[in-house]
Amino acid sequence: LKLRHLSNTSDIRQGDLLLSSGLGGRFPAGY
């Protein structure tokens, strides 16, 4: 997968786990 439109200065690191945020109402949050 890839992240779209994430700023170069964003605080993100290798090994970070990403979860569904729940925004938009399509997917429940926290998965």
ModelCIF file with pLDDT and N, C-alpha, C, O atoms, coordinates in Angstrom:
data_MODEL
#
_entry.id   MODEL 
#
_entity.id                         1 
_entity.type                       polymer 
_entity.pdbx_number_of_molecules   1 
#
_entity_poly.entity_id                      1 
_entity_poly.type                           'polypeptide(L)' 
_entity_poly.nstd_linkage                   no 
_entity_poly.nstd_monomer                   no 
_entity_poly.pdbx_seq_one_letter_code       LKLRHLSNTSDIRQGDLLLSSGLGGRFPAGY 
_entity_poly.pdbx_seq_one_letter_code_can   LKLRHLSNTSDIRQGDLLLSSGLGGRFPAGY 
_entity_poly.pdbx_strand_id                 A 
#
loop_
_entity_poly_seq.entity_id 
_entity_poly_seq.num 
_entity_poly_seq.mon_id 
_entity_poly_seq.hetero 
1 1  LEU n 
1 2  LYS n 
1 3  LEU n 
1 4  ARG n 
1 5  HIS n 
1 6  LEU n 
1 7  SER n 
1 8  ASN n 
1 9  THR n 
1 10 SER n 
1 11 ASP n 
1 12 ILE n 
1 13 ARG n 
1 14 GLN n 
1 15 GLY n 
1 16 ASP n 
1 17 LEU n 
1 18 LEU n 
1 19 LEU n 
1 20 SER n 
1 21 SER n 
1 22 GLY n 
1 23 LEU n 
1 24 GLY n 
1 25 GLY n 
1 26 ARG n 
1 27 PHE n 
1 28 PRO n 
1 29 ALA n 
1 30 GLY n 
1 31 TYR n 
#
_struct_asym.id          A 
_struct_asym.entity_id   1 
#
loop_
_ma_qa_metric.id 
_ma_qa_metric.mode 
_ma_qa_metric.name 
_ma_qa_metric.software_group_id 
_ma_qa_metric.type 
1 global pLDDT . pLDDT 
2 local  pLDDT . pLDDT 
#
_ma_qa_metric_global.metric_id      1 
_ma_qa_metric_global.metric_value   91.48 
_ma_qa_metric_global.model_id       1 
_ma_qa_metric_global.ordinal_id     1 
#
loop_
_ma_qa_metric_local.label_asym_id 
_ma_qa_metric_local.label_comp_id 
_ma_qa_metric_local.label_seq_id 
_ma_qa_metric_local.metric_id 
_ma_qa_metric_local.metric_value 
_ma_qa_metric_local.model_id 
_ma_qa_metric_local.ordinal_id 
A LEU 1  2 97.00 1 1  
A LYS 2  2 97.00 1 2  
A LEU 3  2 95.00 1 3  
A ARG 4  2 86.00 1 4  
A HIS 5  2 89.00 1 5  
A LEU 6  2 92.00 1 6  
A SER 7  2 91.00 1 7  
A ASN 8  2 90.00 1 8  
A THR 9  2 90.00 1 9  
A SER 10 2 92.00 1 10 
A ASP 11 2 94.00 1 11 
A ILE 12 2 95.00 1 12 
A ARG 13 2 95.00 1 13 
A GLN 14 2 95.00 1 14 
A GLY 15 2 95.00 1 15 
A ASP 16 2 95.00 1 16 
A LEU 17 2 95.00 1 17 
A LEU 18 2 95.00 1 18 
A LEU 19 2 93.00 1 19 
A SER 20 2 93.00 1 20 
A SER 21 2 92.00 1 21 
A GLY 22 2 89.00 1 22 
A LEU 23 2 91.00 1 23 
A GLY 24 2 85.00 1 24 
A GLY 25 2 85.00 1 25 
A ARG 26 2 86.00 1 26 
A PHE 27 2 89.00 1 27 
A PRO 28 2 88.00 1 28 
A ALA 29 2 89.00 1 29 
A GLY 30 2 88.00 1 30 
A TYR 31 2 90.00 1 31 
#
loop_
_atom_site.group_PDB 
_atom_site.id 
_atom_site.type_symbol 
_atom_site.label_atom_id 
_atom_site.label_alt_id 
_atom_site.label_comp_id 
_atom_site.label_asym_id 
_atom_site.label_entity_id 
_atom_site.label_seq_id 
_atom_site.pdbx_PDB_ins_code 
_atom_site.Cartn_x 
_atom_site.Cartn_y 
_atom_site.Cartn_z 
_atom_site.occupancy 
_atom_site.B_iso_or_equiv 
_atom_site.pdbx_formal_charge 
_atom_site.auth_seq_id 
_atom_site.auth_comp_id 
_atom_site.auth_asym_id 
_atom_site.auth_atom_id 
_atom_site.pdbx_PDB_model_num 
ATOM 1   N N  . LEU A 1 1  ? 0.868   -1.169 0.000  1.00 97.00 ? 1  LEU A N  1 
ATOM 2   C CA . LEU A 1 1  ? 0.000   0.000  0.000  1.00 97.00 ? 1  LEU A CA 1 
ATOM 3   C C  . LEU A 1 1  ? 0.909   1.224  0.000  1.00 97.00 ? 1  LEU A C  1 
ATOM 4   O O  . LEU A 1 1  ? 2.103   1.113  0.280  1.00 97.00 ? 1  LEU A O  1 
ATOM 5   N N  . LYS A 1 2  ? 0.357   2.372  -0.308 1.00 97.00 ? 2  LYS A N  1 
ATOM 6   C CA . LYS A 1 2  ? 1.147   3.604  -0.228 1.00 97.00 ? 2  LYS A CA 1 
ATOM 7   C C  . LYS A 1 2  ? 0.305   4.704  0.403  1.00 97.00 ? 2  LYS A C  1 
ATOM 8   O O  . LYS A 1 2  ? -0.924  4.684  0.332  1.00 97.00 ? 2  LYS A O  1 
ATOM 9   N N  . LEU A 1 3  ? 0.987   5.664  1.021  1.00 95.00 ? 3  LEU A N  1 
ATOM 10  C CA . LEU A 1 3  ? 0.304   6.803  1.604  1.00 95.00 ? 3  LEU A CA 1 
ATOM 11  C C  . LEU A 1 3  ? 0.326   7.957  0.616  1.00 95.00 ? 3  LEU A C  1 
ATOM 12  O O  . LEU A 1 3  ? 1.348   8.246  -0.006 1.00 95.00 ? 3  LEU A O  1 
ATOM 13  N N  . ARG A 1 4  ? -0.815  8.604  0.485  1.00 86.00 ? 4  ARG A N  1 
ATOM 14  C CA . ARG A 1 4  ? -0.948  9.684  -0.491 1.00 86.00 ? 4  ARG A CA 1 
ATOM 15  C C  . ARG A 1 4  ? -0.864  11.044 0.203  1.00 86.00 ? 4  ARG A C  1 
ATOM 16  O O  . ARG A 1 4  ? -1.425  11.244 1.280  1.00 86.00 ? 4  ARG A O  1 
ATOM 17  N N  . HIS A 1 5  ? -0.157  11.965 -0.433 1.00 89.00 ? 5  HIS A N  1 
ATOM 18  C CA . HIS A 1 5  ? -0.102  13.367 -0.017 1.00 89.00 ? 5  HIS A CA 1 
ATOM 19  C C  . HIS A 1 5  ? 0.332   13.522 1.447  1.00 89.00 ? 5  HIS A C  1 
ATOM 20  O O  . HIS A 1 5  ? -0.279  14.268 2.212  1.00 89.00 ? 5  HIS A O  1 
ATOM 21  N N  . LEU A 1 6  ? 1.381   12.815 1.813  1.00 92.00 ? 6  LEU A N  1 
ATOM 22  C CA . LEU A 1 6  ? 1.925   12.937 3.158  1.00 92.00 ? 6  LEU A CA 1 
ATOM 23  C C  . LEU A 1 6  ? 3.155   13.841 3.104  1.00 92.00 ? 6  LEU A C  1 
ATOM 24  O O  . LEU A 1 6  ? 4.106   13.573 2.369  1.00 92.00 ? 6  LEU A O  1 
ATOM 25  N N  . SER A 1 7  ? 3.121   14.888 3.874  1.00 91.00 ? 7  SER A N  1 
ATOM 26  C CA . SER A 1 7  ? 4.187   15.890 3.836  1.00 91.00 ? 7  SER A CA 1 
ATOM 27  C C  . SER A 1 7  ? 5.545   15.286 4.156  1.00 91.00 ? 7  SER A C  1 
ATOM 28  O O  . SER A 1 7  ? 5.650   14.336 4.932  1.00 91.00 ? 7  SER A O  1 
ATOM 29  N N  . ASN A 1 8  ? 6.600   15.859 3.539  1.00 90.00 ? 8  ASN A N  1 
ATOM 30  C CA . ASN A 1 8  ? 7.968   15.402 3.778  1.00 90.00 ? 8  ASN A CA 1 
ATOM 31  C C  . ASN A 1 8  ? 8.369   15.533 5.234  1.00 90.00 ? 8  ASN A C  1 
ATOM 32  O O  . ASN A 1 8  ? 9.217   14.787 5.723  1.00 90.00 ? 8  ASN A O  1 
ATOM 33  N N  . THR A 1 9  ? 7.759   16.482 5.924  1.00 90.00 ? 9  THR A N  1 
ATOM 34  C CA . THR A 1 9  ? 8.122   16.739 7.322  1.00 90.00 ? 9  THR A CA 1 
ATOM 35  C C  . THR A 1 9  ? 7.246   15.966 8.311  1.00 90.00 ? 9  THR A C  1 
ATOM 36  O O  . THR A 1 9  ? 7.381   16.146 9.521  1.00 90.00 ? 9  THR A O  1 
ATOM 37  N N  . SER A 1 10 ? 6.377   15.135 7.827  1.00 92.00 ? 10 SER A N  1 
ATOM 38  C CA . SER A 1 10 ? 5.469   14.387 8.706  1.00 92.00 ? 10 SER A CA 1 
ATOM 39  C C  . SER A 1 10 ? 6.240   13.445 9.629  1.00 92.00 ? 10 SER A C  1 
ATOM 40  O O  . SER A 1 10 ? 7.261   12.874 9.246  1.00 92.00 ? 10 SER A O  1 
ATOM 41  N N  . ASP A 1 11 ? 5.736   13.299 10.832 1.00 94.00 ? 11 ASP A N  1 
ATOM 42  C CA . ASP A 1 11 ? 6.356   12.425 11.832 1.00 94.00 ? 11 ASP A CA 1 
ATOM 43  C C  . ASP A 1 11 ? 5.889   10.980 11.614 1.00 94.00 ? 11 ASP A C  1 
ATOM 44  O O  . ASP A 1 11 ? 4.947   10.512 12.253 1.00 94.00 ? 11 ASP A O  1 
ATOM 45  N N  . ILE A 1 12 ? 6.560   10.300 10.709 1.00 95.00 ? 12 ILE A N  1 
ATOM 46  C CA . ILE A 1 12 ? 6.234   8.902  10.441 1.00 95.00 ? 12 ILE A CA 1 
ATOM 47  C C  . ILE A 1 12 ? 7.534   8.121  10.324 1.00 95.00 ? 12 ILE A C  1 
ATOM 48  O O  . ILE A 1 12 ? 8.509   8.614  9.757  1.00 95.00 ? 12 ILE A O  1 
ATOM 49  N N  . ARG A 1 13 ? 7.550   6.909  10.856 1.00 95.00 ? 13 ARG A N  1 
ATOM 50  C CA . ARG A 1 13 ? 8.777   6.121  10.919 1.00 95.00 ? 13 ARG A CA 1 
ATOM 51  C C  . ARG A 1 13 ? 8.538   4.717  10.371 1.00 95.00 ? 13 ARG A C  1 
ATOM 52  O O  . ARG A 1 13 ? 7.410   4.226  10.316 1.00 95.00 ? 13 ARG A O  1 
ATOM 53  N N  . GLN A 1 14 ? 9.630   4.101  9.975  1.00 95.00 ? 14 GLN A N  1 
ATOM 54  C CA . GLN A 1 14 ? 9.552   2.707  9.559  1.00 95.00 ? 14 GLN A CA 1 
ATOM 55  C C  . GLN A 1 14 ? 9.148   1.859  10.758 1.00 95.00 ? 14 GLN A C  1 
ATOM 56  O O  . GLN A 1 14 ? 9.704   2.013  11.845 1.00 95.00 ? 14 GLN A O  1 
ATOM 57  N N  . GLY A 1 15 ? 8.189   0.971  10.565 1.00 95.00 ? 15 GLY A N  1 
ATOM 58  C CA . GLY A 1 15 ? 7.686   0.133  11.654 1.00 95.00 ? 15 GLY A CA 1 
ATOM 59  C C  . GLY A 1 15 ? 6.404   0.650  12.268 1.00 95.00 ? 15 GLY A C  1 
ATOM 60  O O  . GLY A 1 15 ? 5.761   -0.060 13.042 1.00 95.00 ? 15 GLY A O  1 
ATOM 61  N N  . ASP A 1 16 ? 6.011   1.893  11.935 1.00 95.00 ? 16 ASP A N  1 
ATOM 62  C CA . ASP A 1 16 ? 4.753   2.431  12.461 1.00 95.00 ? 16 ASP A CA 1 
ATOM 63  C C  . ASP A 1 16 ? 3.569   1.592  11.954 1.00 95.00 ? 16 ASP A C  1 
ATOM 64  O O  . ASP A 1 16 ? 3.537   1.152  10.805 1.00 95.00 ? 16 ASP A O  1 
ATOM 65  N N  . LEU A 1 17 ? 2.605   1.389  12.854 1.00 95.00 ? 17 LEU A N  1 
ATOM 66  C CA . LEU A 1 17 ? 1.381   0.670  12.500 1.00 95.00 ? 17 LEU A CA 1 
ATOM 67  C C  . LEU A 1 17 ? 0.287   1.677  12.206 1.00 95.00 ? 17 LEU A C  1 
ATOM 68  O O  . LEU A 1 17 ? 0.068   2.607  12.983 1.00 95.00 ? 17 LEU A O  1 
ATOM 69  N N  . LEU A 1 18 ? -0.402  1.498  11.085 1.00 95.00 ? 18 LEU A N  1 
ATOM 70  C CA . LEU A 1 18 ? -1.501  2.377  10.724 1.00 95.00 ? 18 LEU A CA 1 
ATOM 71  C C  . LEU A 1 18 ? -2.824  1.653  10.871 1.00 95.00 ? 18 LEU A C  1 
ATOM 72  O O  . LEU A 1 18 ? -2.964  0.495  10.479 1.00 95.00 ? 18 LEU A O  1 
ATOM 73  N N  . LEU A 1 19 ? -3.796  2.353  11.444 1.00 93.00 ? 19 LEU A N  1 
ATOM 74  C CA . LEU A 1 19 ? -5.122  1.814  11.684 1.00 93.00 ? 19 LEU A CA 1 
ATOM 75  C C  . LEU A 1 19 ? -6.143  2.574  10.850 1.00 93.00 ? 19 LEU A C  1 
ATOM 76  O O  . LEU A 1 19 ? -5.892  3.691  10.399 1.00 93.00 ? 19 LEU A O  1 
ATOM 77  N N  . SER A 1 20 ? -7.296  1.949  10.652 1.00 93.00 ? 20 SER A N  1 
ATOM 78  C CA . SER A 1 20 ? -8.393  2.677  10.002 1.00 93.00 ? 20 SER A CA 1 
ATOM 79  C C  . SER A 1 20 ? -8.842  3.791  10.944 1.00 93.00 ? 20 SER A C  1 
ATOM 80  O O  . SER A 1 20 ? -9.004  3.568  12.144 1.00 93.00 ? 20 SER A O  1 
ATOM 81  N N  . SER A 1 21 ? -9.041  4.987  10.398 1.00 92.00 ? 21 SER A N  1 
ATOM 82  C CA . SER A 1 21 ? -9.372  6.140  11.249 1.00 92.00 ? 21 SER A CA 1 
ATOM 83  C C  . SER A 1 21 ? -10.868 6.293  11.476 1.00 92.00 ? 21 SER A C  1 
ATOM 84  O O  . SER A 1 21 ? -11.287 6.944  12.433 1.00 92.00 ? 21 SER A O  1 
ATOM 85  N N  . GLY A 1 22 ? -11.678 5.698  10.604 1.00 89.00 ? 22 GLY A N  1 
ATOM 86  C CA . GLY A 1 22 ? -13.126 5.834  10.742 1.00 89.00 ? 22 GLY A CA 1 
ATOM 87  C C  . GLY A 1 22 ? -13.687 7.047  10.038 1.00 89.00 ? 22 GLY A C  1 
ATOM 88  O O  . GLY A 1 22 ? -14.906 7.202  9.960  1.00 89.00 ? 22 GLY A O  1 
ATOM 89  N N  . LEU A 1 23 ? -12.818 7.923  9.517  1.00 91.00 ? 23 LEU A N  1 
ATOM 90  C CA . LEU A 1 23 ? -13.297 9.109  8.810  1.00 91.00 ? 23 LEU A CA 1 
ATOM 91  C C  . LEU A 1 23 ? -13.974 8.678  7.503  1.00 91.00 ? 23 LEU A C  1 
ATOM 92  O O  . LEU A 1 23 ? -13.529 7.747  6.831  1.00 91.00 ? 23 LEU A O  1 
ATOM 93  N N  . GLY A 1 24 ? -15.039 9.366  7.169  1.00 85.00 ? 24 GLY A N  1 
ATOM 94  C CA . GLY A 1 24 ? -15.770 9.033  5.950  1.00 85.00 ? 24 GLY A CA 1 
ATOM 95  C C  . GLY A 1 24 ? -16.872 8.031  6.190  1.00 85.00 ? 24 GLY A C  1 
ATOM 96  O O  . GLY A 1 24 ? -17.774 7.895  5.363  1.00 85.00 ? 24 GLY A O  1 
ATOM 97  N N  . GLY A 1 25 ? -16.820 7.321  7.311  1.00 85.00 ? 25 GLY A N  1 
ATOM 98  C CA . GLY A 1 25 ? -17.899 6.410  7.679  1.00 85.00 ? 25 GLY A CA 1 
ATOM 99  C C  . GLY A 1 25 ? -17.931 5.097  6.932  1.00 85.00 ? 25 GLY A C  1 
ATOM 100 O O  . GLY A 1 25 ? -18.818 4.278  7.174  1.00 85.00 ? 25 GLY A O  1 
ATOM 101 N N  . ARG A 1 26 ? -16.983 4.868  6.022  1.00 86.00 ? 26 ARG A N  1 
ATOM 102 C CA . ARG A 1 26 ? -17.016 3.620  5.261  1.00 86.00 ? 26 ARG A CA 1 
ATOM 103 C C  . ARG A 1 26 ? -16.446 2.464  6.073  1.00 86.00 ? 26 ARG A C  1 
ATOM 104 O O  . ARG A 1 26 ? -17.016 1.373  6.078  1.00 86.00 ? 26 ARG A O  1 
ATOM 105 N N  . PHE A 1 27 ? -15.320 2.691  6.763  1.00 89.00 ? 27 PHE A N  1 
ATOM 106 C CA . PHE A 1 27 ? -14.696 1.661  7.587  1.00 89.00 ? 27 PHE A CA 1 
ATOM 107 C C  . PHE A 1 27 ? -14.763 2.070  9.051  1.00 89.00 ? 27 PHE A C  1 
ATOM 108 O O  . PHE A 1 27 ? -14.568 3.242  9.373  1.00 89.00 ? 27 PHE A O  1 
ATOM 109 N N  . PRO A 1 28 ? -15.037 1.115  9.949  1.00 88.00 ? 28 PRO A N  1 
ATOM 110 C CA . PRO A 1 28 ? -14.992 1.438  11.379 1.00 88.00 ? 28 PRO A CA 1 
ATOM 111 C C  . PRO A 1 28 ? -13.564 1.752  11.807 1.00 88.00 ? 28 PRO A C  1 
ATOM 112 O O  . PRO A 1 28 ? -12.609 1.283  11.187 1.00 88.00 ? 28 PRO A O  1 
ATOM 113 N N  . ALA A 1 29 ? -13.418 2.535  12.855 1.00 89.00 ? 29 ALA A N  1 
ATOM 114 C CA . ALA A 1 29 ? -12.097 2.967  13.319 1.00 89.00 ? 29 ALA A CA 1 
ATOM 115 C C  . ALA A 1 29 ? -11.404 1.876  14.129 1.00 89.00 ? 29 ALA A C  1 
ATOM 116 O O  . ALA A 1 29 ? -12.046 1.043  14.769 1.00 89.00 ? 29 ALA A O  1 
ATOM 117 N N  . GLY A 1 30 ? -10.069 1.908  14.081 1.00 88.00 ? 30 GLY A N  1 
ATOM 118 C CA . GLY A 1 30 ? -9.273  1.091  14.983 1.00 88.00 ? 30 GLY A CA 1 
ATOM 119 C C  . GLY A 1 30 ? -8.804  -0.242 14.465 1.00 88.00 ? 30 GLY A C  1 
ATOM 120 O O  . GLY A 1 30 ? -8.224  -1.012 15.231 1.00 88.00 ? 30 GLY A O  1 
ATOM 121 N N  . TYR A 1 31 ? -9.027  -0.561 13.187 1.00 90.00 ? 31 TYR A N  1 
ATOM 122 C CA . TYR A 1 31 ? -8.594  -1.856 12.659 1.00 90.00 ? 31 TYR A CA 1 
ATOM 123 C C  . TYR A 1 31 ? -7.234  -1.729 11.968 1.00 90.00 ? 31 TYR A C  1 
ATOM 124 O O  . TYR A 1 31 ? -6.704  -2.717 11.459 1.00 90.00 ? 31 TYR A O  1 
#
